[in-house]
C-alpha atoms as a PDB file:
ATOM      1  CA  UNK A   1      18.822  20.435  -7.807  1.00  0.00           C
ATOM      2  CA  UNK A   2      18.696  16.627  -7.578  1.00  0.00           C
ATOM      3  CA  UNK A   3      15.639  15.174  -5.871  1.00  0.00           C
ATOM      4  CA  UNK A   4      17.640  12.173  -4.649  1.00  0.00           C
ATOM      5  CA  UNK A   5      18.263  12.324  -0.883  1.00  0.00           C
ATOM      6  CA  UNK A   6      21.365  10.129  -1.250  1.00  0.00           C
ATOM      7  CA  UNK A   7      24.451   9.716  -3.411  1.00  0.00           C
ATOM      8  CA  UNK A   8      25.195   6.273  -4.834  1.00  0.00           C
ATOM      9  CA  UNK A   9      28.709   5.746  -3.540  1.00  0.00           C
ATOM     10  CA  UNK A  10      30.091   2.235  -3.071  1.00  0.00           C
ATOM     11  CA  UNK A  11      33.412   1.845  -1.199  1.00  0.00           C
ATOM     12  CA  UNK A  12      34.452  -1.153  -3.313  1.00  0.00           C
ATOM     13  CA  UNK A  13      33.918   0.804  -6.537  1.00  0.00           C
ATOM     14  CA  UNK A  14      35.816   3.776  -5.144  1.00  0.00           C
ATOM     15  CA  UNK A  15      38.788   1.632  -4.126  1.00  0.00           C
ATOM     16  CA  UNK A  16      38.818  -0.125  -7.505  1.00  0.00           C
ATOM     17  CA  UNK A  17      38.752   3.190  -9.394  1.00  0.00           C
ATOM     18  CA  UNK A  18      41.772   5.230 -10.420  1.00  0.00           C
ATOM     19  CA  UNK A  19      40.788   7.888  -7.891  1.00  0.00           C
ATOM     20  CA  UNK A  20      42.045   5.603  -5.107  1.00  0.00           C
ATOM     21  CA  UNK A  21      45.581   6.064  -6.450  1.00  0.00           C
ATOM     22  CA  UNK A  22      45.439   9.837  -6.042  1.00  0.00           C
ATOM     23  CA  UNK A  23      46.523  11.715  -2.956  1.00  0.00           C
ATOM     24  CA  UNK A  24      44.180  11.967  -0.014  1.00  0.00           C
ATOM     25  CA  UNK A  25      43.670  15.670  -0.713  1.00  0.00           C
ATOM     26  CA  UNK A  26      42.778  15.001  -4.354  1.00  0.00           C
ATOM     27  CA  UNK A  27      40.332  12.275  -3.329  1.00  0.00           C
ATOM     28  CA  UNK A  28      38.709  14.660  -0.862  1.00  0.00           C
ATOM     29  CA  UNK A  29      38.400  17.333  -3.531  1.00  0.00           C
ATOM     30  CA  UNK A  30      36.755  14.930  -5.977  1.00  0.00           C
ATOM     31  CA  UNK A  31      34.304  13.792  -3.315  1.00  0.00           C
ATOM     32  CA  UNK A  32      33.318  17.385  -2.569  1.00  0.00           C
ATOM     33  CA  UNK A  33      32.965  18.064  -6.296  1.00  0.00           C
ATOM     34  CA  UNK A  34      30.633  15.037  -6.519  1.00  0.00           C
ATOM     35  CA  UNK A  35      28.503  16.589  -3.783  1.00  0.00           C
ATOM     36  CA  UNK A  36      28.136  19.723  -5.911  1.00  0.00           C
ATOM     37  CA  UNK A  37      27.316  17.656  -9.003  1.00  0.00           C
ATOM     38  CA  UNK A  38      24.725  15.736  -7.026  1.00  0.00           C
ATOM     39  CA  UNK A  39      22.935  18.974  -6.171  1.00  0.00           C
ATOM     40  CA  UNK A  40      23.147  20.295  -9.723  1.00  0.00           C
ATOM     41  CA  UNK A  41      20.005  20.659 -11.851  1.00  0.00           C
ATOM     42  CA  UNK A  42      21.959  18.768 -14.523  1.00  0.00           C
ATOM     43  CA  UNK A  43      22.839  15.695 -12.538  1.00  0.00           C
ATOM     44  CA  UNK A  44      26.529  14.766 -12.568  1.00  0.00           C
ATOM     45  CA  UNK A  45      27.665  18.126 -14.006  1.00  0.00           C
ATOM     46  CA  UNK A  46      29.237  21.153 -12.313  1.00  0.00           C
ATOM     47  CA  UNK A  47      26.447  23.419 -13.490  1.00  0.00           C
ATOM     48  CA  UNK A  48      24.434  26.116 -11.751  1.00  0.00           C
ATOM     49  CA  UNK A  49      21.604  28.074 -13.360  1.00  0.00           C
ATOM     50  CA  UNK A  50      22.473  26.483 -16.692  1.00  0.00           C
ATOM     51  CA  UNK A  51      26.074  27.742 -16.650  1.00  0.00           C
ATOM     52  CA  UNK A  52      29.388  26.098 -15.659  1.00  0.00           C
ATOM     53  CA  UNK A  53      30.400  26.904 -12.085  1.00  0.00           C
ATOM     54  CA  UNK A  54      33.539  29.089 -12.123  1.00  0.00           C
ATOM     55  CA  UNK A  55      36.735  27.521 -10.785  1.00  0.00           C
ATOM     56  CA  UNK A  56      37.015  30.032  -7.933  1.00  0.00           C
ATOM     57  CA  UNK A  57      33.464  29.253  -6.822  1.00  0.00           C
ATOM     58  CA  UNK A  58      34.131  25.493  -6.953  1.00  0.00           C
ATOM     59  CA  UNK A  59      37.297  25.952  -4.898  1.00  0.00           C
ATOM     60  CA  UNK A  60      35.473  28.060  -2.316  1.00  0.00           C
ATOM     61  CA  UNK A  61      32.611  25.559  -1.991  1.00  0.00           C
ATOM     62  CA  UNK A  62      35.038  22.671  -1.664  1.00  0.00           C
ATOM     63  CA  UNK A  63      36.918  24.476   1.099  1.00  0.00           C
ATOM     64  CA  UNK A  64      40.300  25.094  -0.483  1.00  0.00           C
ATOM     65  CA  UNK A  65      42.273  27.942  -1.994  1.00  0.00           C
ATOM     66  CA  UNK A  66      42.108  28.461  -5.784  1.00  0.00           C
ATOM     67  CA  UNK A  67      45.829  27.574  -6.172  1.00  0.00           C
ATOM     68  CA  UNK A  68      45.379  24.306  -4.271  1.00  0.00           C
ATOM     69  CA  UNK A  69      42.217  23.581  -6.245  1.00  0.00           C
ATOM     70  CA  UNK A  70      44.006  23.948  -9.583  1.00  0.00           C
ATOM     71  CA  UNK A  71      46.875  21.737  -8.413  1.00  0.00           C
ATOM     72  CA  UNK A  72      44.612  18.967  -7.109  1.00  0.00           C
ATOM     73  CA  UNK A  73      42.333  19.185 -10.157  1.00  0.00           C
ATOM     74  CA  UNK A  74      45.381  18.720 -12.399  1.00  0.00           C
ATOM     75  CA  UNK A  75      46.261  15.581 -10.402  1.00  0.00           C
ATOM     76  CA  UNK A  76      42.745  14.245 -10.895  1.00  0.00           C
ATOM     77  CA  UNK A  77      42.890  15.011 -14.617  1.00  0.00           C
ATOM     78  CA  UNK A  78      46.176  13.129 -14.992  1.00  0.00           C
ATOM     79  CA  UNK A  79      44.459  10.117 -13.408  1.00  0.00           C
ATOM     80  CA  UNK A  80      41.532  10.463 -15.839  1.00  0.00           C
ATOM     81  CA  UNK A  81      38.950  11.029 -13.117  1.00  0.00           C
ATOM     82  CA  UNK A  82      36.904  14.067 -14.284  1.00  0.00           C
ATOM     83  CA  UNK A  83      35.502  14.427 -17.796  1.00  0.00           C
ATOM     84  CA  UNK A  84      34.923  17.606 -19.780  1.00  0.00           C
ATOM     85  CA  UNK A  85      31.828  18.123 -21.940  1.00  0.00           C
ATOM     86  CA  UNK A  86      31.858  19.815 -25.343  1.00  0.00           C
ATOM     87  CA  UNK A  87      30.677  23.050 -23.711  1.00  0.00           C
ATOM     88  CA  UNK A  88      33.485  22.977 -21.147  1.00  0.00           C
ATOM     89  CA  UNK A  89      31.616  21.584 -18.133  1.00  0.00           C
ATOM     90  CA  UNK A  90      33.310  19.170 -15.714  1.00  0.00           C
ATOM     91  CA  UNK A  91      31.212  16.047 -15.090  1.00  0.00           C
ATOM     92  CA  UNK A  92      31.396  12.584 -13.544  1.00  0.00           C
ATOM     93  CA  UNK A  93      30.941   9.721 -15.994  1.00  0.00           C
ATOM     94  CA  UNK A  94      29.695   7.371 -13.294  1.00  0.00           C
ATOM     95  CA  UNK A  95      27.091   9.827 -11.978  1.00  0.00           C
ATOM     96  CA  UNK A  96      25.809  10.531 -15.497  1.00  0.00           C
ATOM     97  CA  UNK A  97      25.491   6.790 -16.219  1.00  0.00           C
ATOM     98  CA  UNK A  98      23.607   6.247 -12.952  1.00  0.00           C
ATOM     99  CA  UNK A  99      21.195   9.066 -13.839  1.00  0.00           C
ATOM    100  CA  UNK A 100      20.587   7.577 -17.282  1.00  0.00           C
ATOM    101  CA  UNK A 101      19.874   4.163 -15.758  1.00  0.00           C
ATOM    102  CA  UNK A 102      17.389   5.661 -13.304  1.00  0.00           C
ATOM    103  CA  UNK A 103      15.607   7.513 -16.088  1.00  0.00           C
ATOM    104  CA  UNK A 104      15.479   4.364 -18.221  1.00  0.00           C
ATOM    105  CA  UNK A 105      14.014   2.348 -15.342  1.00  0.00           C
ATOM    106  CA  UNK A 106      11.490   5.095 -14.596  1.00  0.00           C
ATOM    107  CA  UNK A 107      10.348   5.136 -18.230  1.00  0.00           C
ATOM    108  CA  UNK A 108       9.966   1.358 -18.205  1.00  0.00           C
ATOM    109  CA  UNK A 109       7.851   1.530 -15.053  1.00  0.00           C
ATOM    110  CA  UNK A 110       5.671   4.262 -16.535  1.00  0.00           C
ATOM    111  CA  UNK A 111       5.136   2.137 -19.638  1.00  0.00           C
ATOM    112  CA  UNK A 112       4.221  -0.872 -17.514  1.00  0.00           C
ATOM    113  CA  UNK A 113       1.690   1.163 -15.522  1.00  0.00           C
ATOM    114  CA  UNK A 114       0.132   2.398 -18.757  1.00  0.00           C
ATOM    115  CA  UNK A 115      -0.421  -1.210 -19.856  1.00  0.00           C
ATOM    116  CA  UNK A 116      -1.455  -2.660 -16.487  1.00  0.00           C
ATOM    117  CA  UNK A 117      -1.740  -0.452 -13.383  1.00  0.00           C
ATOM    118  CA  UNK A 118       0.325  -1.677 -10.451  1.00  0.00           C
ATOM    119  CA  UNK A 119      -1.570  -2.383  -7.253  1.00  0.00           C
ATOM    120  CA  UNK A 120      -1.153  -4.113  -3.930  1.00  0.00           C
ATOM    121  CA  UNK A 121      -2.410  -7.687  -3.421  1.00  0.00           C
ATOM    122  CA  UNK A 122      -5.342  -6.300  -1.419  1.00  0.00           C
ATOM    123  CA  UNK A 123      -6.305  -3.862  -4.175  1.00  0.00           C
ATOM    124  CA  UNK A 124      -5.877  -6.593  -6.785  1.00  0.00           C
ATOM    125  CA  UNK A 125      -8.246  -8.852  -4.832  1.00  0.00           C
ATOM    126  CA  UNK A 126     -10.854  -6.091  -4.710  1.00  0.00           C
ATOM    127  CA  UNK A 127     -10.534  -5.615  -8.466  1.00  0.00           C
ATOM    128  CA  UNK A 128     -11.034  -9.356  -8.992  1.00  0.00           C
ATOM    129  CA  UNK A 129     -14.100  -9.309  -6.739  1.00  0.00           C
ATOM    130  CA  UNK A 130     -15.615  -6.399  -8.652  1.00  0.00           C
ATOM    131  CA  UNK A 131     -14.910  -8.184 -11.932  1.00  0.00           C
ATOM    132  CA  UNK A 132     -16.530 -11.369 -10.605  1.00  0.00           C
ATOM    133  CA  UNK A 133     -19.625  -9.514  -9.402  1.00  0.00           C
ATOM    134  CA  UNK A 134     -19.923  -7.638 -12.671  1.00  0.00           C
ATOM    135  CA  UNK A 135     -19.796 -10.901 -14.635  1.00  0.00           C
ATOM    136  CA  UNK A 136     -22.391 -12.513 -12.382  1.00  0.00           C
ATOM    137  CA  UNK A 137     -24.722  -9.550 -12.693  1.00  0.00           C
ATOM    138  CA  UNK A 138     -24.621  -9.927 -16.454  1.00  0.00           C
ATOM    139  CA  UNK A 139     -25.879 -13.500 -16.045  1.00  0.00           C
ATOM    140  CA  UNK A 140     -28.559 -12.828 -13.395  1.00  0.00           C
ATOM    141  CA  UNK A 141     -30.277  -9.474 -12.825  1.00  0.00           C
ATOM    142  CA  UNK A 142     -29.692  -9.258  -9.064  1.00  0.00           C
ATOM    143  CA  UNK A 143     -28.755  -5.594  -8.935  1.00  0.00           C
ATOM    144  CA  UNK A 144     -32.157  -4.056  -8.296  1.00  0.00           C
ATOM    145  CA  UNK A 145     -33.166  -6.672  -5.712  1.00  0.00           C
ATOM    146  CA  UNK A 146     -29.868  -6.331  -3.872  1.00  0.00           C
ATOM    147  CA  UNK A 147     -30.296  -2.560  -3.821  1.00  0.00           C
ATOM    148  CA  UNK A 148     -33.558  -3.039  -1.908  1.00  0.00           C
ATOM    149  CA  UNK A 149     -31.871  -5.458   0.507  1.00  0.00           C
ATOM    150  CA  UNK A 150     -28.946  -3.108   1.130  1.00  0.00           C
ATOM    151  CA  UNK A 151     -31.208  -0.156   1.685  1.00  0.00           C
ATOM    152  CA  UNK A 152     -33.200  -2.092   4.305  1.00  0.00           C
ATOM    153  CA  UNK A 153     -30.311  -3.789   6.114  1.00  0.00           C
ATOM    154  CA  UNK A 154     -29.617  -1.914   9.390  1.00  0.00           C
ATOM    155  CA  UNK A 155     -25.848  -2.517   9.744  1.00  0.00           C
ATOM    156  CA  UNK A 156     -23.782  -1.194   6.839  1.00  0.00           C
ATOM    157  CA  UNK A 157     -20.374  -1.279   8.560  1.00  0.00           C
ATOM    158  CA  UNK A 158     -19.352  -4.452   6.750  1.00  0.00           C
ATOM    159  CA  UNK A 159     -19.398  -2.675   3.410  1.00  0.00           C
ATOM    160  CA  UNK A 160     -21.627  -2.901   0.365  1.00  0.00           C
ATOM    161  CA  UNK A 161     -19.003  -4.674  -1.726  1.00  0.00           C
ATOM    162  CA  UNK A 162     -18.661  -7.622   0.696  1.00  0.00           C
ATOM    163  CA  UNK A 163     -22.443  -7.883   1.028  1.00  0.00           C
ATOM    164  CA  UNK A 164     -22.947  -7.843  -2.716  1.00  0.00           C
ATOM    165  CA  UNK A 165     -20.254 -10.462  -3.173  1.00  0.00           C
ATOM    166  CA  UNK A 166     -22.029 -12.758  -0.708  1.00  0.00           C
ATOM    167  CA  UNK A 167     -25.402 -12.084  -2.355  1.00  0.00           C
ATOM    168  CA  UNK A 168     -24.189 -12.892  -5.860  1.00  0.00           C
ATOM    169  CA  UNK A 169     -21.906 -15.773  -4.965  1.00  0.00           C
ATOM    170  CA  UNK A 170     -24.282 -18.013  -3.042  1.00  0.00           C
ATOM    171  CA  UNK A 171     -27.790 -16.627  -3.392  1.00  0.00           C
ATOM    172  CA  UNK A 172     -28.787 -14.930  -6.603  1.00  0.00           C
ATOM    173  CA  UNK A 173     -32.415 -14.132  -7.312  1.00  0.00           C
ATOM    174  CA  UNK A 174     -33.745 -17.602  -6.487  1.00  0.00           C
ATOM    175  CA  UNK A 175     -34.102 -16.727  -2.781  1.00  0.00           C
ATOM    176  CA  UNK A 176     -34.519 -12.973  -3.014  1.00  0.00           C
ATOM    177  CA  UNK A 177     -38.142 -12.963  -1.868  1.00  0.00           C
ATOM    178  CA  UNK A 178     -37.359 -15.256   1.045  1.00  0.00           C
ATOM    179  CA  UNK A 179     -34.377 -13.124   2.059  1.00  0.00           C
ATOM    180  CA  UNK A 180     -36.305  -9.866   2.007  1.00  0.00           C
ATOM    181  CA  UNK A 181     -39.159 -11.401   3.997  1.00  0.00           C
ATOM    182  CA  UNK A 182     -36.714 -12.828   6.558  1.00  0.00           C
ATOM    183  CA  UNK A 183     -34.967  -9.483   6.816  1.00  0.00           C
ATOM    184  CA  UNK A 184     -38.248  -7.798   7.623  1.00  0.00           C
ATOM    185  CA  UNK A 185     -38.925 -10.368  10.370  1.00  0.00           C
ATOM    186  CA  UNK A 186     -35.433 -10.052  11.867  1.00  0.00           C
ATOM    187  CA  UNK A 187     -35.727  -6.281  11.947  1.00  0.00           C
ATOM    188  CA  UNK A 188     -39.119  -6.425  13.638  1.00  0.00           C
ATOM    189  CA  UNK A 189     -38.475  -9.237  16.131  1.00  0.00           C
ATOM    190  CA  UNK A 190     -34.732  -9.502  16.808  1.00  0.00           C
ATOM    191  CA  UNK A 191     -33.070  -6.182  16.062  1.00  0.00           C
ATOM    192  CA  UNK A 192     -35.746  -3.681  17.040  1.00  0.00           C
ATOM    193  CA  UNK A 193     -34.414  -3.208  20.578  1.00  0.00           C
ATOM    194  CA  UNK A 194     -30.857  -2.327  19.611  1.00  0.00           C
ATOM    195  CA  UNK A 195     -29.539  -5.876  19.718  1.00  0.00           C
ATOM    196  CA  UNK A 196     -26.357  -6.864  17.877  1.00  0.00           C
ATOM    197  CA  UNK A 197     -26.740  -6.850  14.102  1.00  0.00           C
ATOM    198  CA  UNK A 198     -24.087  -8.836  12.184  1.00  0.00           C
ATOM    199  CA  UNK A 199     -22.493  -7.590   8.988  1.00  0.00           C
ATOM    200  CA  UNK A 200     -24.718  -8.120   5.979  1.00  0.00           C
ATOM    201  CA  UNK A 201     -22.282 -10.506   4.269  1.00  0.00           C
ATOM    202  CA  UNK A 202     -22.051 -12.669   7.419  1.00  0.00           C
ATOM    203  CA  UNK A 203     -25.820 -12.771   7.779  1.00  0.00           C
ATOM    204  CA  UNK A 204     -26.137 -13.914   4.172  1.00  0.00           C
ATOM    205  CA  UNK A 205     -23.259 -16.400   4.074  1.00  0.00           C
ATOM    206  CA  UNK A 206     -24.336 -18.060   7.338  1.00  0.00           C
ATOM    207  CA  UNK A 207     -27.840 -18.335   5.897  1.00  0.00           C
ATOM    208  CA  UNK A 208     -29.310 -16.758   8.985  1.00  0.00           C
ATOM    209  CA  UNK A 209     -32.188 -15.637   6.781  1.00  0.00           C
ATOM    210  CA  UNK A 210     -33.302 -19.291   6.822  1.00  0.00           C
ATOM    211  CA  UNK A 211     -33.494 -19.246  10.630  1.00  0.00           C
ATOM    212  CA  UNK A 212     -36.468 -17.755  12.370  1.00  0.00           C
ATOM    213  CA  UNK A 213     -35.698 -14.868  14.731  1.00  0.00           C
ATOM    214  CA  UNK A 214     -35.745 -15.643  18.451  1.00  0.00           C
ATOM    215  CA  UNK A 215     -39.263 -15.787  19.818  1.00  0.00           C
ATOM    216  CA  UNK A 216     -40.306 -13.573  22.691  1.00  0.00           C
ATOM    217  CA  UNK A 217     -38.817 -15.201  25.806  1.00  0.00           C
ATOM    218  CA  UNK A 218     -40.954 -15.979  28.827  1.00  0.00           C
ATOM    219  CA  UNK A 219     -39.780 -15.041  32.342  1.00  0.00           C
ATOM    220  CA  UNK A 220     -37.138 -17.495  33.589  1.00  0.00           C
ATOM    221  CA  UNK A 221     -36.410 -18.752  30.056  1.00  0.00           C
ATOM    222  CA  UNK A 222     -33.159 -18.130  28.200  1.00  0.00           C
ATOM    223  CA  UNK A 223     -33.088 -18.979  24.474  1.00  0.00           C
ATOM    224  CA  UNK A 224     -35.462 -21.929  24.779  1.00  0.00           C
ATOM    225  CA  UNK A 225     -34.063 -23.282  28.044  1.00  0.00           C
ATOM    226  CA  UNK A 226     -36.141 -23.167  31.241  1.00  0.00           C
ATOM    227  CA  UNK A 227     -33.756 -21.793  33.845  1.00  0.00           C
ATOM    228  CA  UNK A 228     -35.877 -22.938  36.808  1.00  0.00           C
ATOM    229  CA  UNK A 229     -36.006 -26.514  35.540  1.00  0.00           C
ATOM    230  CA  UNK A 230     -32.275 -26.541  34.925  1.00  0.00           C
ATOM    231  CA  UNK A 231     -31.603 -25.377  38.474  1.00  0.00           C
ATOM    232  CA  UNK A 232     -33.892 -28.089  39.867  1.00  0.00           C
ATOM    233  CA  UNK A 233     -32.072 -30.802  37.878  1.00  0.00           C
ATOM    234  CA  UNK A 234     -28.723 -29.503  39.111  1.00  0.00           C
ATOM    235  CA  UNK A 235     -29.930 -29.714  42.760  1.00  0.00           C
ATOM    236  CA  UNK A 236     -31.098 -33.302  42.230  1.00  0.00           C
ATOM    237  CA  UNK A 237     -27.702 -34.337  40.823  1.00  0.00           C
ATOM    238  CA  UNK A 238     -25.901 -32.765  43.756  1.00  0.00           C
ATOM    239  CA  UNK A 239     -28.166 -34.520  46.308  1.00  0.00           C
ATOM    240  CA  UNK A 240     -27.743 -37.846  44.506  1.00  0.00           C
ATOM    241  CA  UNK A 241     -23.971 -37.512  44.653  1.00  0.00           C
ATOM    242  CA  UNK A 242     -24.144 -36.900  48.412  1.00  0.00           C
ATOM    243  CA  UNK A 243     -22.989 -33.331  48.197  1.00  0.00           C
ATOM    244  CA  UNK A 244     -24.252 -31.188  51.121  1.00  0.00           C
END
C-alpha cells in the first residue's frame, strides 16, 4: 500500500489529457481505478498481493457491474488512457512516472545527506560553535581549567557550551587564576544567601569577575547609598522650593 496520504491530481492536467474527452462515466471509472492503483503495493498498477486484480473485483470496488466495467474500460482503451504491462497488469503511465521521480529525488537527498548532513540554522550554528571551540582548545589548553570553573559555578542553567564559548572566545588561560579566585569570592560573599546568580556565559562576557562582590551593607544603606542622607537632601529641596 502507498505511504502517500494524497494523490497528485491536477485539474489542468486532467482537462488537457485525452481522458477529458471520454464520457463522464468513463472518467469516473478511471478516477476510481487510480484510487486503487494509489493504494497498491506496486504504485500505479492494479496489483494486490503481487497479482493482477481480477476484472470482477475491480468492477466491484469501483461500484459498477462487470458488464458496465468492460464497456467503460473499452472506451478508455480506445482513448489510450490505461496501459498494459508485459505481465498483463493495467497501470497509469502518469502515476508510474510520478513514483519514479519521487524515488529519484529521495535517492538524491540520501546521497546529499551522506556527503553533508542537513540541519537547521540553529543546529548549524551549534556545530560551528563546537568547531570554533575545538580549534581554540588546540591552540590554548583551557579545557582542564574550564572544567574546574564549570564544576564550581553554581548556576548551570545557561549551558556548558555557551559558558565554554565565552571562556575560550574572550578569556583563555591568561586570566584563569583571577577568574577562579573571583568566583570563590562571589560564591562566598554575594551568592551564599540564595541571591540571583547569572548564567556563567553572561558572568564571563560582562567581566563581572573583575568587579568585587558587594560588600556587607550597613543598616540604612543600599548598594553604597546612604538612604537617610538621601531622604534629608530630598526634604531640603522640597523646603527650598516652598513645598509644604
